[in-house]
C-alpha atoms as a PDB file:
ATOM      1  CA  MET A   1     131.297 -67.665-150.208  1.00  0.00           C
ATOM      2  CA  SER A   2     127.584 -68.114-149.838  1.00  0.00           C
ATOM      3  CA  LEU A   3     125.025 -68.417-147.096  1.00  0.00           C
ATOM      4  CA  ALA A   4     122.463 -71.237-147.199  1.00  0.00           C
ATOM      5  CA  LEU A   5     119.117 -70.744-145.488  1.00  0.00           C
ATOM      6  CA  MET A   6     117.245 -73.950-144.743  1.00  0.00           C
ATOM      7  CA  TRP A   7     113.516 -73.874-143.967  1.00  0.00           C
ATOM      8  CA  GLU A   8     111.717 -77.086-142.999  1.00  0.00           C
ATOM      9  CA  ALA A   9     108.058 -77.605-142.125  1.00  0.00           C
ATOM     10  CA  ALA A  10     105.997 -80.692-141.319  1.00  0.00           C
ATOM     11  CA  ALA A  11     102.449 -80.756-142.603  1.00  0.00           C
ATOM     12  CA  VAL A  12      99.384 -81.886-140.753  1.00  0.00           C
ATOM     13  CA  ALA A  13      98.603 -85.470-141.822  1.00  0.00           C
ATOM     14  CA  GLY A  14      97.308 -85.527-145.388  1.00  0.00           C
ATOM     15  CA  ARG A  15      98.226 -81.877-146.104  1.00  0.00           C
ATOM     16  CA  GLY A  16     101.721 -82.434-147.517  1.00  0.00           C
ATOM     17  CA  GLU A  17     100.750 -81.445-151.068  1.00  0.00           C
ATOM     18  CA  ASP A  18      99.057 -78.285-149.761  1.00  0.00           C
ATOM     19  CA  LEU A  19     102.142 -77.342-147.763  1.00  0.00           C
ATOM     20  CA  LEU A  20     104.373 -77.991-150.777  1.00  0.00           C
ATOM     21  CA  ALA A  21     102.170 -75.795-153.005  1.00  0.00           C
ATOM     22  CA  TRP A  22     102.164 -73.048-150.364  1.00  0.00           C
ATOM     23  CA  ALA A  23     105.972 -73.164-150.001  1.00  0.00           C
ATOM     24  CA  ARG A  24     106.464 -72.974-153.774  1.00  0.00           C
ATOM     25  CA  ARG A  25     104.322 -69.823-153.944  1.00  0.00           C
ATOM     26  CA  GLN A  26     106.493 -68.003-151.388  1.00  0.00           C
ATOM     27  CA  SER A  27     108.953 -65.565-152.853  1.00  0.00           C
ATOM     28  CA  PRO A  28     111.432 -63.936-150.480  1.00  0.00           C
ATOM     29  CA  THR A  29     112.388 -60.329-151.021  1.00  0.00           C
ATOM     30  CA  GLY A  30     115.441 -60.263-153.244  1.00  0.00           C
ATOM     31  CA  ARG A  31     116.686 -62.990-155.520  1.00  0.00           C
ATOM     32  CA  PRO A  32     118.642 -65.925-154.111  1.00  0.00           C
ATOM     33  CA  LEU A  33     121.576 -67.331-156.060  1.00  0.00           C
ATOM     34  CA  ARG A  34     119.775 -70.669-156.014  1.00  0.00           C
ATOM     35  CA  ARG A  35     116.640 -72.224-154.547  1.00  0.00           C
ATOM     36  CA  GLU A  36     115.721 -75.887-154.142  1.00  0.00           C
ATOM     37  CA  THR A  37     112.587 -77.462-152.720  1.00  0.00           C
ATOM     38  CA  PHE A  38     112.494 -80.998-151.323  1.00  0.00           C
ATOM     39  CA  THR A  39     109.922 -83.347-149.824  1.00  0.00           C
ATOM     40  CA  ALA A  40     110.504 -86.128-147.299  1.00  0.00           C
ATOM     41  CA  PRO A  41     108.475 -88.839-145.614  1.00  0.00           C
ATOM     42  CA  GLY A  42     106.069 -87.579-143.006  1.00  0.00           C
ATOM     43  CA  ASP A  43     104.701 -84.825-145.261  1.00  0.00           C
ATOM     44  CA  ARG A  44     107.769 -82.656-144.680  1.00  0.00           C
ATOM     45  CA  VAL A  45     108.881 -79.851-146.998  1.00  0.00           C
ATOM     46  CA  LEU A  46     112.396 -78.395-147.092  1.00  0.00           C
ATOM     47  CA  VAL A  47     113.408 -75.229-148.936  1.00  0.00           C
ATOM     48  CA  ILE A  48     117.070 -74.235-149.248  1.00  0.00           C
ATOM     49  CA  THR A  49     118.040 -70.843-150.633  1.00  0.00           C
ATOM     50  CA  TRP A  50     121.604 -69.698-151.310  1.00  0.00           C
ATOM     51  CA  TRP A  51     122.613 -66.051-150.907  1.00  0.00           C
ATOM     52  CA  PRO A  52     125.864 -64.115-151.282  1.00  0.00           C
ATOM     53  CA  ALA A  53     127.709 -64.042-147.936  1.00  0.00           C
ATOM     54  CA  ASP A  54     128.500 -60.328-148.073  1.00  0.00           C
ATOM     55  CA  SER A  55     129.289 -58.967-144.618  1.00  0.00           C
ATOM     56  CA  GLY A  56     128.079 -55.490-145.612  1.00  0.00           C
ATOM     57  CA  ALA A  57     124.721 -56.642-146.958  1.00  0.00           C
ATOM     58  CA  PRO A  58     121.554 -56.870-144.897  1.00  0.00           C
ATOM     59  CA  PRO A  59     120.664 -60.391-143.733  1.00  0.00           C
ATOM     60  CA  PRO A  60     118.839 -62.418-146.381  1.00  0.00           C
ATOM     61  CA  PRO A  61     115.085 -62.794-145.961  1.00  0.00           C
ATOM     62  CA  GLU A  62     113.531 -65.873-144.399  1.00  0.00           C
ATOM     63  CA  LEU A  63     110.523 -67.668-145.798  1.00  0.00           C
ATOM     64  CA  PRO A  64     107.480 -66.940-143.643  1.00  0.00           C
ATOM     65  CA  ASP A  65     105.640 -69.348-141.395  1.00  0.00           C
ATOM     66  CA  PRO A  66     102.869 -71.251-143.185  1.00  0.00           C
ATOM     67  CA  PRO A  67      99.263 -70.972-142.056  1.00  0.00           C
ATOM     68  CA  ALA A  68      98.757 -72.781-138.745  1.00  0.00           C
ATOM     69  CA  ASP A  69      96.215 -75.182-140.236  1.00  0.00           C
ATOM     70  CA  LEU A  70      98.911 -76.620-142.578  1.00  0.00           C
ATOM     71  CA  VAL A  71     101.603 -77.508-140.042  1.00  0.00           C
ATOM     72  CA  ARG A  72     101.823 -79.800-137.044  1.00  0.00           C
ATOM     73  CA  ARG A  73     104.753 -78.040-135.365  1.00  0.00           C
ATOM     74  CA  PRO A  74     106.746 -74.803-135.659  1.00  0.00           C
ATOM     75  CA  VAL A  75     108.954 -74.329-138.719  1.00  0.00           C
ATOM     76  CA  HIS A  76     112.635 -75.213-138.275  1.00  0.00           C
ATOM     77  CA  ARG A  77     115.199 -72.779-139.684  1.00  0.00           C
ATOM     78  CA  TRP A  78     118.972 -73.020-140.008  1.00  0.00           C
ATOM     79  CA  ARG A  79     121.678 -70.810-141.551  1.00  0.00           C
ATOM     80  CA  PHE A  80     124.943 -72.214-142.849  1.00  0.00           C
ATOM     81  CA  THR A  81     127.945 -70.442-144.345  1.00  0.00           C
ATOM     82  CA  SER A  82     129.752 -72.284-147.108  1.00  0.00           C
ATOM     83  CA  VAL A  83     133.393 -73.060-146.434  1.00  0.00           C
ATOM     84  CA  GLY A  84     134.077 -74.554-149.854  1.00  0.00           C
ATOM     85  CA  VAL A  85     132.929 -76.994-152.502  1.00  0.00           C
ATOM     86  CA  ASP A  86     134.758 -80.300-152.884  1.00  0.00           C
END
């Protein structure tokens, strides 16, 4: 099983490329099994990292909040545990 951490931020108008560049430079402590970065309309950036879902391991690290001048609202974060791949 794995744990997926989703991090989504919405850039201030016209700063989507800056937010994307900032997000790509962030490197959480440890090495995720997988990492994907997405963009969406409205200058939004989504980063999903996959981690082993080991109950004895410490919780995986979150990406930090971007500088306040890049975002128009607080970052949204979600954690999902995989229940299988179809």
